[in-house]
Structure formats: C-alpha cells, structure tokens
Protein backbone atom coordinates (compact mmCIF):
# COMPACT_ATOMS: atom_id res chain seq x y z
CA MET A 1 -119.34 191.88 -68.53
CA PHE A 2 -122.61 192.79 -66.64
CA PRO A 3 -125.69 190.31 -66.47
CA PHE A 4 -128.13 192.83 -68.04
CA ASP A 5 -128.47 194.88 -71.22
CA PHE A 6 -128.20 198.72 -70.93
CA PRO A 7 -131.64 200.41 -72.09
CA ALA A 8 -131.40 202.34 -75.26
CA GLU A 9 -132.65 206.05 -73.78
CA GLU A 10 -133.92 206.47 -70.83
CA ASP A 11 -131.07 207.19 -67.43
CA ILE A 12 -131.37 204.46 -65.44
CA SER A 13 -129.87 203.52 -61.75
CA LYS A 14 -129.15 199.70 -61.10
CA CYS A 15 -128.39 197.90 -58.13
CA LEU A 16 -126.17 194.82 -58.49
CA TYR A 17 -126.37 193.56 -55.00
CA GLU A 18 -125.12 189.96 -55.99
CA HIS A 19 -121.88 191.85 -56.85
CA ARG A 20 -121.67 194.82 -54.43
CA VAL A 21 -121.93 197.70 -56.55
CA ILE A 22 -123.91 200.63 -58.26
CA ILE A 23 -123.75 200.91 -61.86
CA THR A 24 -125.15 203.95 -62.98
CA CYS A 25 -125.39 204.76 -66.69
CA TYR A 26 -126.23 208.05 -68.26
CA LYS A 27 -127.33 207.39 -71.65
CA LYS A 28 -125.00 204.24 -72.20
CA ASN A 29 -122.59 205.96 -70.54
CA LEU A 30 -121.13 204.18 -67.80
CA GLY A 31 -120.56 206.12 -64.70
CA ASP A 32 -118.42 205.65 -61.59
CA ILE A 33 -118.25 201.99 -59.99
CA LYS A 34 -118.85 202.64 -56.32
CA MET A 35 -118.77 199.71 -53.31
CA VAL A 36 -121.89 199.40 -51.56
CA VAL A 37 -121.85 197.55 -48.25
CA LYS A 38 -124.85 195.61 -47.58
CA VAL A 39 -126.35 196.09 -43.64
CA GLY A 40 -129.12 193.81 -42.31
CA VAL A 41 -131.29 194.81 -39.35
CA ALA A 42 -133.40 192.25 -37.51
CA LYS A 43 -135.53 194.20 -35.20
CA LEU A 44 -137.17 191.64 -33.00
CA GLY A 45 -139.47 193.38 -30.24
CA ASN A 46 -138.49 196.90 -29.42
CA ILE A 47 -135.77 199.04 -27.69
CA ALA A 48 -134.96 202.48 -28.28
CA SER A 49 -131.88 201.69 -29.88
CA GLY A 50 -133.95 199.64 -32.30
CA VAL A 51 -136.10 202.66 -33.46
CA MET A 52 -133.15 204.36 -34.40
CA ALA A 53 -130.06 201.87 -35.41
CA GLU A 54 -130.29 202.02 -39.05
CA LEU A 55 -131.05 205.74 -39.14
CA LEU A 56 -127.78 206.83 -37.35
CA LEU A 57 -126.00 205.33 -40.45
CA ASP A 58 -127.42 207.49 -42.80
CA GLU A 59 -129.38 210.67 -41.15
CA ARG A 60 -129.56 212.38 -44.21
CA ALA A 61 -130.58 209.46 -46.45
CA ASP A 62 -127.58 209.99 -48.96
CA ARG A 63 -125.02 207.80 -48.13
CA GLU A 64 -123.90 206.16 -51.27
CA ASP A 65 -121.64 203.28 -49.92
CA MET A 66 -123.96 201.71 -48.22
CA GLN A 67 -127.58 200.31 -47.89
CA THR A 68 -129.29 198.77 -45.28
CA PHE A 69 -132.53 196.61 -45.08
CA MET A 70 -134.67 195.96 -42.03
CA ALA A 71 -136.81 192.93 -41.08
CA THR A 72 -138.83 193.01 -37.97
CA SER A 73 -140.89 191.09 -35.99
CA GLY A 74 -143.25 193.61 -34.89
CA THR A 75 -143.68 193.59 -30.94
CA LYS A 76 -143.43 190.03 -30.50
CA LEU A 77 -140.50 187.36 -29.85
CA GLU A 78 -142.26 184.29 -30.81
CA PRO A 79 -140.53 181.76 -32.75
CA ALA A 80 -142.54 181.97 -35.95
CA ASP A 81 -141.60 185.80 -36.03
CA VAL A 82 -138.33 185.31 -35.57
CA ASP A 83 -138.22 183.03 -38.39
CA ARG A 84 -139.67 184.90 -40.63
CA VAL A 85 -137.23 187.78 -39.80
CA VAL A 86 -134.15 185.61 -40.33
CA SER A 87 -135.68 184.29 -43.64
CA ASN A 88 -135.86 187.62 -45.13
CA LEU A 89 -132.55 188.89 -44.38
CA LYS A 90 -130.81 185.74 -45.02
CA ALA A 91 -132.55 186.38 -48.86
CA TYR A 92 -131.08 189.81 -48.81
CA LYS A 93 -127.50 188.48 -48.22
CA PRO A 94 -126.05 191.46 -46.27
CA ASP A 95 -122.05 191.62 -45.69
CA PHE A 96 -123.18 191.65 -41.69
CA CYS A 97 -126.26 191.65 -39.94
CA ILE A 98 -127.50 193.70 -36.61
CA VAL A 99 -129.75 191.81 -34.36
CA VAL A 100 -131.25 194.18 -31.83
CA SER A 101 -133.85 193.05 -29.00
CA PRO A 102 -134.73 193.61 -25.50
CA ASN A 103 -133.02 190.85 -23.48
CA GLY A 104 -130.76 189.25 -26.19
CA VAL A 105 -130.07 186.09 -24.10
CA LEU A 106 -133.84 184.76 -24.40
CA PRO A 107 -134.37 182.15 -27.19
CA GLY A 108 -135.81 184.23 -29.97
CA PRO A 109 -132.68 186.50 -30.06
CA THR A 110 -130.50 183.69 -29.61
CA GLY A 111 -131.63 181.60 -32.13
CA ALA A 112 -131.79 184.26 -34.78
CA ARG A 113 -128.15 185.20 -34.14
CA GLU A 114 -127.30 181.61 -34.38
CA GLN A 115 -128.99 181.04 -37.60
CA LEU A 116 -127.29 183.63 -39.30
CA ALA A 117 -124.00 183.01 -38.41
CA ALA A 118 -124.78 179.47 -39.28
CA ALA A 119 -125.57 181.26 -42.91
CA GLY A 120 -121.86 183.08 -42.67
CA ILE A 121 -123.28 186.25 -41.96
CA PRO A 122 -121.23 188.26 -39.42
CA THR A 123 -123.77 189.49 -36.61
CA ILE A 124 -123.64 192.12 -33.72
CA ILE A 125 -126.05 191.85 -31.33
CA ILE A 126 -127.64 195.33 -29.76
CA THR A 127 -129.74 194.87 -26.63
CA ASP A 128 -130.41 196.18 -23.40
CA ASP A 129 -128.28 195.38 -19.85
CA VAL A 130 -127.94 191.40 -20.22
CA THR A 131 -124.51 191.69 -17.95
CA THR A 132 -125.96 190.07 -15.07
CA LYS A 133 -127.59 187.10 -16.77
CA LYS A 134 -125.78 183.85 -16.62
CA GLU A 135 -126.27 183.37 -20.25
CA TRP A 136 -124.50 186.22 -21.26
CA GLU A 137 -121.03 184.41 -20.40
CA ALA A 138 -121.66 182.21 -23.21
CA VAL A 139 -122.74 185.16 -25.35
CA LYS A 140 -119.45 186.99 -24.54
CA ALA A 141 -116.99 184.40 -24.84
CA ASP A 142 -118.26 183.53 -28.62
CA THR A 143 -116.63 184.71 -31.45
CA LYS A 144 -118.86 184.81 -33.84
CA PHE A 145 -120.70 187.38 -32.46
CA GLY A 146 -120.01 191.14 -31.62
CA TYR A 147 -122.17 192.86 -28.96
CA ILE A 148 -123.23 196.67 -27.87
CA ILE A 149 -124.70 196.51 -24.59
CA MET A 150 -126.73 199.51 -24.19
CA LYS A 151 -126.96 199.71 -20.32
CA ALA A 152 -129.49 202.68 -20.25
CA ASP A 153 -131.98 201.36 -22.80
CA SER A 154 -133.82 200.44 -19.67
CA MET A 155 -136.97 198.00 -19.90
CA ILE A 156 -140.51 199.48 -20.02
CA GLY A 157 -142.87 199.52 -17.27
CA ALA A 158 -145.56 197.17 -19.08
CA ARG A 159 -148.40 196.71 -16.34
CA ARG A 160 -151.53 197.10 -18.57
CA GLU A 161 -153.26 199.09 -15.59
CA PHE A 162 -150.81 201.90 -16.17
CA LEU A 163 -149.28 201.58 -19.98
CA ASP A 164 -151.17 202.62 -22.78
CA PRO A 165 -150.12 203.73 -26.25
CA VAL A 166 -149.65 207.39 -25.32
CA GLU A 167 -147.22 206.34 -22.15
CA MET A 168 -145.42 203.85 -24.03
CA SER A 169 -144.39 206.67 -26.78
CA ASP A 170 -143.60 209.34 -24.35
CA TYR A 171 -141.43 206.99 -22.52
CA ASN A 172 -139.67 205.82 -25.40
CA GLY A 173 -139.80 209.31 -26.91
CA ASN A 174 -137.51 210.08 -23.31
CA LEU A 175 -135.17 207.04 -23.83
CA VAL A 176 -134.17 207.98 -27.39
CA LYS A 177 -133.48 211.75 -26.01
CA VAL A 178 -131.20 210.08 -23.34
CA LEU A 179 -129.34 207.73 -25.69
CA ALA A 180 -128.66 210.65 -28.11
CA LEU A 181 -127.88 213.40 -26.11
CA THR A 182 -125.54 211.32 -23.66
CA GLY A 183 -123.67 210.16 -26.19
CA ALA A 184 -124.48 206.62 -26.32
CA PHE A 185 -126.20 206.39 -29.18
CA ARG A 186 -123.16 208.10 -31.16
CA LYS A 187 -120.57 205.37 -29.48
CA MET A 188 -122.63 202.67 -31.05
CA GLN A 189 -123.36 204.43 -34.60
CA VAL A 190 -119.18 204.91 -34.69
CA ALA A 191 -118.65 201.33 -33.95
CA LEU A 192 -121.00 200.42 -36.64
CA ASP A 193 -119.37 202.81 -39.30
CA LYS A 194 -115.95 200.94 -38.16
CA VAL A 195 -117.48 197.45 -39.46
CA ILE A 196 -118.80 199.20 -42.69
CA ASP A 197 -115.21 200.83 -43.19
CA GLN A 198 -114.07 196.98 -42.68
CA VAL A 199 -116.31 195.62 -45.66
CA LYS A 200 -115.18 198.61 -47.84
CA ALA A 201 -111.72 197.91 -47.52
CA GLY A 202 -112.21 194.12 -48.49
CA LYS A 203 -112.45 192.49 -45.23
CA LYS A 204 -115.19 189.59 -45.09
CA GLY A 205 -116.66 187.36 -43.02
CA THR A 206 -114.38 185.82 -40.07
CA GLU A 207 -111.89 188.63 -41.26
CA LEU A 208 -114.39 191.46 -39.63
CA GLU A 209 -113.48 192.49 -36.51
CA LEU A 210 -116.72 193.19 -34.82
CA PRO A 211 -117.38 195.62 -31.97
CA LYS A 212 -117.59 194.31 -28.29
CA ILE A 213 -119.03 197.23 -26.27
CA ILE A 214 -120.56 197.46 -22.86
CA MET A 215 -122.10 201.31 -23.07
CA THR A 216 -121.31 202.49 -19.42
CA THR A 217 -121.91 206.10 -18.57
CA ASP A 218 -118.01 206.83 -19.06
CA LYS A 219 -118.01 205.24 -22.26
CA ALA A 220 -121.08 207.44 -23.45
CA VAL A 221 -120.60 210.80 -22.30
CA ASP A 222 -116.49 210.48 -23.24
CA GLY A 223 -115.36 213.33 -25.28
CA GLU A 224 -119.57 214.71 -26.09
CA PHE A 225 -119.04 217.72 -23.55
CA THR A 226 -116.88 220.89 -23.22
CA ASN A 227 -118.84 222.41 -20.19
CA PRO A 228 -118.50 220.51 -16.85
CA PHE A 229 -121.73 221.04 -15.73
CA ALA A 230 -123.04 219.60 -18.99
CA LEU A 231 -121.10 216.55 -18.45
CA ALA A 232 -122.53 216.10 -14.90
CA LYS A 233 -126.13 216.48 -15.92
CA ALA A 234 -125.53 214.12 -18.75
CA ARG A 235 -123.83 211.60 -16.19
CA ALA A 236 -126.83 212.21 -14.00
CA ALA A 237 -129.30 211.21 -16.97
CA HIS A 238 -127.63 208.18 -17.96
CA GLU A 239 -127.07 206.80 -14.38
CA ILE A 240 -131.18 207.22 -13.94
CA ALA A 241 -132.31 205.93 -17.11
CA MET A 242 -129.89 202.41 -15.96
CA ALA A 243 -131.58 202.64 -12.59
CA VAL A 244 -135.03 202.44 -14.23
CA ALA A 245 -134.76 199.07 -15.41
CA GLY A 246 -134.51 198.13 -11.92
CA GLN A 247 -137.69 199.54 -10.95
CA ASN A 248 -139.62 198.10 -13.92
CA VAL A 249 -138.13 194.83 -13.31
CA LYS A 250 -139.56 194.97 -9.63
CA GLY A 251 -142.98 196.50 -11.00
CA CYS A 252 -143.60 194.13 -13.66
CA PHE A 253 -142.19 190.33 -12.20
CA MET A 254 -141.60 190.78 -8.61
CA THR A 255 -144.87 192.56 -7.37
CA LYS A 256 -148.45 190.93 -7.81
CA GLU A 257 -150.47 193.65 -6.00
CA TRP A 258 -151.89 196.19 -8.65
CA GLU A 259 -152.05 198.58 -6.16
CA LYS A 260 -148.56 198.16 -5.25
CA TYR A 261 -147.15 197.89 -9.00
CA ILE A 262 -148.86 200.51 -10.50
CA PRO A 263 -146.84 203.62 -8.37
CA ILE A 264 -143.69 201.77 -8.91
CA VAL A 265 -143.86 201.47 -12.84
CA THR A 266 -144.98 205.05 -12.62
CA SER A 267 -142.27 206.10 -10.45
CA ALA A 268 -140.13 204.53 -13.13
CA HIS A 269 -141.18 206.44 -16.15
CA GLU A 270 -140.99 209.49 -14.10
CA MET A 271 -137.46 209.31 -13.29
CA MET A 272 -136.84 208.62 -17.51
CA ARG A 273 -138.62 212.07 -17.62
CA VAL A 274 -136.38 213.74 -15.26
CA ALA A 275 -133.12 211.58 -17.13
CA ALA A 276 -134.51 213.62 -20.68
CA ALA A 277 -134.90 216.95 -18.95
CA LEU A 278 -131.13 216.62 -17.42
CA CYS A 279 -130.33 216.13 -21.15
CA ASP A 280 -131.99 219.04 -22.44
CA GLU A 281 -130.27 220.97 -19.66
CA ALA A 282 -126.84 219.78 -20.68
CA ARG A 283 -127.40 220.53 -24.12
CA GLU A 284 -128.55 224.04 -23.52
CA LEU A 285 -125.39 224.57 -21.70
CA GLU A 286 -123.16 223.22 -24.26
CA LYS A 287 -125.29 225.29 -27.06
CA ALA A 288 -124.74 228.36 -24.72
CA GLY A 289 -120.93 228.07 -25.16
CA ASP A 290 -121.34 227.36 -28.77
CA SER A 291 -119.90 223.93 -28.29
CA ILE A 292 -122.23 221.26 -29.53
CA LEU A 293 -120.44 218.76 -31.09
CA ARG A 294 -121.78 217.55 -34.49
CA GLN A 295 -120.23 214.73 -36.43
CA ALA A 296 -121.95 214.15 -40.01
CA HIS A 297 -121.57 211.38 -42.66
CA LYS A 298 -120.61 212.90 -46.29
CA LYS A 299 -121.91 210.82 -49.26
CA ASP A 300 -119.00 208.39 -49.30
CA GLY A 301 -119.61 207.48 -45.66
CA SER A 302 -116.68 209.48 -44.11
CA LEU A 303 -117.46 211.78 -41.04
CA VAL A 304 -116.80 215.35 -40.84
CA ARG A 305 -116.99 217.50 -37.71
CA LYS A 306 -117.39 220.69 -36.22
CA THR A 307 -118.16 222.77 -32.54
CA LYS A 308 -119.25 225.67 -33.98
CA LEU A 309 -122.78 226.19 -35.19
CA VAL A 310 -121.83 229.32 -38.00
CA ALA A 311 -118.89 227.04 -39.28
CA LYS A 312 -118.05 224.50 -42.20
CA PHE A 313 -117.45 220.74 -41.16
CA GLU A 314 -113.63 220.17 -40.96
C-alpha cells in the first residue's frame, strides 16, 4: 500500500512528500493520515516581507497541515543565484510557491516566476511597490500569477558612506515593526492561508485562486484597531513608511554628490524610526483598552481569535 516497510520496533514519523500525506506509525499501528500542503518560498535579495513570510504561516511551529521550504539567493539577484533557487524549489515540488524580492519586475525575479510557472507551480509574487513601473502592467495582467504588493516595504538607504550592518539591521527591524503592527503582515498572512486552504480542499494548479492585493494604508489597518487614536497613529506610520522609498530612491539613484545624498538617506531612516515609534504608541493605546486583536493558528491550520488578554481563544 505504501512505498516503504514499517520498522518492527521504534516509533517513527515519515513524510511522504510525493503523496502529500504524513504517515505516523506507533509500533506498527497506523495513525491518522493528514493532508500536508507544501509551500515553497523563493527569497531573492531582501525585503522585510521576505524576512517574515513563512514564519507568519506557522508562528508556533506546530502546524500539521503544511510545511514550508525556503531557498534564498542571499543578498544578490544575479542569474546564477536565481537559477540555484529555482532549481531547489522545483525539486521540492511544492503545491504553490511564493517569490519574495525587491523590485519584482527586475529580470531576476521575473525569470524566477516564469520558470516556476513553466514547471506548473502556481506562483505568488510578494514585492515592494512596483505599481508605478511600466513593466507592472504586464505582471498585473498575467493570470498565471498572484501578487501582494507591499507598498510600505520601502527600499533601504543603501549608500556605503551611511549604511553599515548595524544600520541595515536597525532599519529592517523598524520596518518589520511597521508592517506587523499596522496590519499589513496580517493581511498578507491571511491571503496566503486562503491559498493553503484551497489546496487542502483539493484544488491544484490553475484551479487555485491566487491573491491579487495592493497593500494600501486603508487595507493594512482595516479591522486592526478599536481606539480611533491608535488607528490614526497606525495610518500615519504606514503612510510615512511608504514615503521612505521616495527619499531613498532620490538619495541612492538621483543624487551624485556624497555630501548631499548622505543627509537624504539618513532622513529616510529617521522617517522609518518615527513610523515604528508611532506603531508602538498605537499598540500601547490598544493595550490600555485591553483590545489587542490576536489571531493564532491551531495545529490544523484554522485561525482562532480574541481581543481580551486574559481569555481563551474563540
């Protein structure tokens, strides 16, 4: 019945990836057979959404209905790096794949998703704001792909005279906080969970309805806050984070004199720091009213929620 022999003695758990099930054997007794959705994540270069993408789907590392596999090109987007990532993901044979990268219309990310689609793997693009680029229209019109455009996941101030490893880490920490506490990460996570649920329901390939989301401020904060001042602070934070990209583009690509571009990129990082501080203030207001929204995954992947700290999940 199964393409392996059960051991005679020890308890084991074996994952049959090809058959999408987990067979658990306790001393020759066959346990439950459970659907396991395989999610591939291609991380090309770095944006804050890529830091957290697969972690948002299994925050306590105890989901039994899915597993993720991430392949990364590291910091670079060279063709050889991208090909290595795609080869590993195709070998993994995921039910669907997420391609996370900055500037998702560049040749590297474009080639990655095209190769995955050619292999019959449904693919979702997660990237920063590319909606003003002319290449975006072709991506948006292509029915093979889903997308989540994280408009506040802004480019870093990547000027050597300013950016060292500590500054890079500090900036990304502030950006992760903004995307988390404004609600942008939750909306991304829920959209990906919906695709997992479709696979569990038996859909595959072109049958899957992939998300097509542009993460505006209004979409990010929707349903996240009960205190109107908290909502206003979160909106302000998200708007500031979106504006950071414009300053960093100006400092990195449009200004040649180092005496001029250093203050520009520095100001962009100060903007992101203030955005993170506003998010902290918004969350503290929600804490004061005991109204923090918490949504957690159960082992079967379903979401439970509550808004009171000392309470059980609904």
